[in-house]
Amino acid sequence: MEWLNVTVEHGLWGIFVASFLAATILPGGSELLLFGFLKLHPAEFWPALGLATLGNTLGGMSTYACGRFLPKWQRLDTLPHKARLARWGPAALLLSWVPLSGDALCLAAGWLKLPWLPCLLLMALGKALRYTLIGQSALL
């Protein structure tokens, strides 16, 4: 079981990387990793929460960038959340943390060329709230 003996620093970097990858179209989740890390290292709550939020937000913005640079001839009219996103604007990205459909929201937001700064801030807020709930449950 020597491989389980991971330093706090390596664990924090792992949370960042897993959170980034989980927010792209690649499969994976970072919630369980954050939960387990905080069970082992509860004193690292704020750094873990910050890195998970940062990684997941940057991953979501990379999907946003992919959508932004898709040529307009690409047919994204069939994306399930396109109409809702057009109506609600960047505020819809508060739900970008939702598995699978959150990725579609980020991609459609970029494709619709919604302003990046409000998208970034609202995406980060939604993701931070989710990770805060997960982190709090780990500390119980």
Protein backbone atom coordinates (compact mmCIF):
# COMPACT_ATOMS: atom_id res chain seq x y z
CA MET A 1 0.00 0.00 0.00
CA GLU A 2 3.00 2.30 -0.36
CA TRP A 3 1.44 3.85 -3.47
CA LEU A 4 -1.32 5.32 -1.29
CA ASN A 5 1.24 7.39 0.60
CA VAL A 6 0.80 10.57 -1.47
CA THR A 7 1.99 13.94 -0.21
CA VAL A 8 -0.48 16.77 0.31
CA GLU A 9 1.12 18.71 -2.54
CA HIS A 10 0.72 15.82 -4.98
CA GLY A 11 -2.86 15.36 -3.83
CA LEU A 12 -3.64 19.02 -4.44
CA TRP A 13 -2.12 18.89 -7.92
CA GLY A 14 -4.14 15.73 -8.57
CA ILE A 15 -7.33 17.56 -7.59
CA PHE A 16 -6.48 20.41 -9.98
CA VAL A 17 -5.74 18.08 -12.91
CA ALA A 18 -8.76 15.85 -12.27
CA SER A 19 -11.03 18.89 -11.95
CA PHE A 20 -9.72 20.35 -15.20
CA LEU A 21 -10.17 17.11 -17.12
CA ALA A 22 -13.63 16.52 -15.62
CA ALA A 23 -14.82 19.83 -17.09
CA THR A 24 -13.80 18.92 -20.63
CA ILE A 25 -15.51 16.43 -22.88
CA LEU A 26 -13.27 13.71 -21.43
CA PRO A 27 -15.06 11.37 -19.04
CA GLY A 28 -14.24 11.53 -15.39
CA GLY A 29 -15.24 13.07 -12.14
CA SER A 30 -13.32 15.01 -9.56
CA GLU A 31 -15.91 15.00 -6.78
CA LEU A 32 -14.89 11.66 -5.31
CA LEU A 33 -11.23 12.63 -5.40
CA LEU A 34 -11.94 15.90 -3.57
CA PHE A 35 -14.12 14.14 -1.02
CA GLY A 36 -11.48 11.47 -0.30
CA PHE A 37 -8.65 13.99 -0.14
CA LEU A 38 -10.55 16.13 2.38
CA LYS A 39 -11.33 13.06 4.48
CA LEU A 40 -7.58 12.46 4.75
CA HIS A 41 -6.51 16.12 4.94
CA PRO A 42 -9.35 18.26 6.35
CA ALA A 43 -6.94 21.12 7.11
CA GLU A 44 -6.43 21.55 3.36
CA PHE A 45 -10.08 22.53 2.78
CA TRP A 46 -9.49 25.97 1.25
CA PRO A 47 -6.53 25.07 -0.98
CA ALA A 48 -8.37 21.97 -2.24
CA LEU A 49 -11.57 23.90 -2.84
CA GLY A 50 -9.69 26.66 -4.65
CA LEU A 51 -7.74 24.29 -6.89
CA ALA A 52 -10.80 22.18 -7.70
CA THR A 53 -12.77 25.31 -8.63
CA LEU A 54 -9.90 26.78 -10.64
CA GLY A 55 -9.22 23.55 -12.53
CA ASN A 56 -12.88 22.90 -13.28
CA THR A 57 -13.45 26.50 -14.38
CA LEU A 58 -10.42 26.47 -16.67
CA GLY A 59 -11.62 23.17 -18.14
CA GLY A 60 -15.05 24.69 -18.75
CA MET A 61 -13.49 27.73 -20.38
CA SER A 62 -11.44 25.48 -22.66
CA THR A 63 -14.71 23.93 -23.84
CA TYR A 64 -16.12 27.48 -24.21
CA ALA A 65 -13.07 28.36 -26.37
CA CYS A 66 -13.63 25.28 -28.54
CA GLY A 67 -17.19 26.43 -29.16
CA ARG A 68 -16.11 29.99 -29.84
CA PHE A 69 -13.74 28.93 -32.58
CA LEU A 70 -16.08 26.49 -34.28
CA PRO A 71 -17.00 27.81 -37.69
CA LYS A 72 -20.56 29.09 -37.90
CA TRP A 73 -21.39 26.46 -40.52
CA GLN A 74 -21.11 23.81 -37.82
CA ARG A 75 -24.63 22.74 -36.87
CA LEU A 76 -24.99 23.22 -33.16
CA ASP A 77 -28.68 24.02 -33.46
CA THR A 78 -29.42 20.60 -32.03
CA LEU A 79 -27.61 21.22 -28.73
CA PRO A 80 -30.19 20.61 -26.01
CA HIS A 81 -29.55 23.83 -24.10
CA LYS A 82 -28.98 26.26 -26.97
CA ALA A 83 -32.39 27.96 -26.75
CA ARG A 84 -32.21 28.23 -22.96
CA LEU A 85 -28.69 29.59 -23.17
CA ALA A 86 -29.68 32.18 -25.75
CA ARG A 87 -32.54 33.28 -23.47
CA TRP A 88 -30.68 33.28 -20.13
CA GLY A 89 -27.26 34.30 -21.41
CA PRO A 90 -24.18 33.82 -19.23
CA ALA A 91 -26.35 33.22 -16.12
CA ALA A 92 -27.13 29.76 -17.50
CA LEU A 93 -23.49 28.86 -16.88
CA LEU A 94 -24.23 28.69 -13.17
CA LEU A 95 -25.31 25.16 -14.17
CA SER A 96 -22.08 24.35 -16.04
CA TRP A 97 -21.15 21.93 -13.24
CA VAL A 98 -23.96 19.51 -14.20
CA PRO A 99 -22.42 16.36 -15.72
CA LEU A 100 -22.61 16.15 -19.54
CA SER A 101 -25.14 18.94 -20.05
CA GLY A 102 -22.73 21.41 -18.41
CA ASP A 103 -20.20 20.65 -21.14
CA ALA A 104 -22.87 21.37 -23.76
CA LEU A 105 -23.69 24.68 -22.04
CA CYS A 106 -20.04 25.74 -22.14
CA LEU A 107 -19.66 24.74 -25.78
CA ALA A 108 -22.87 26.51 -26.80
CA ALA A 109 -21.92 29.65 -24.85
CA GLY A 110 -18.71 29.87 -26.84
CA TRP A 111 -20.48 29.14 -30.12
CA LEU A 112 -23.05 31.85 -29.40
CA LYS A 113 -20.11 34.15 -28.60
CA LEU A 114 -21.51 35.13 -25.22
CA PRO A 115 -19.16 37.56 -23.42
CA TRP A 116 -16.33 35.58 -21.89
CA LEU A 117 -15.89 37.48 -18.61
CA PRO A 118 -19.47 37.06 -17.32
CA CYS A 119 -19.34 33.44 -18.53
CA LEU A 120 -16.10 32.87 -16.62
CA LEU A 121 -17.35 34.48 -13.41
CA LEU A 122 -20.74 32.73 -13.37
CA MET A 123 -19.19 29.41 -14.32
CA ALA A 124 -16.69 29.74 -11.46
CA LEU A 125 -19.44 30.66 -9.00
CA GLY A 126 -21.55 27.61 -9.87
CA LYS A 127 -18.57 25.29 -9.68
CA ALA A 128 -17.36 26.80 -6.38
CA LEU A 129 -20.78 26.29 -4.82
CA ARG A 130 -20.83 22.65 -5.88
CA TYR A 131 -17.33 21.97 -4.57
CA THR A 132 -18.14 23.77 -1.33
CA LEU A 133 -21.07 21.42 -0.75
CA ILE A 134 -18.92 18.39 -1.51
CA GLY A 135 -16.14 19.68 0.74
CA GLN A 136 -18.52 20.41 3.61
CA SER A 137 -19.97 16.91 3.38
CA ALA A 138 -16.46 15.46 3.56
CA LEU A 139 -15.81 17.33 6.78
CA LEU A 140 -18.90 15.96 8.53
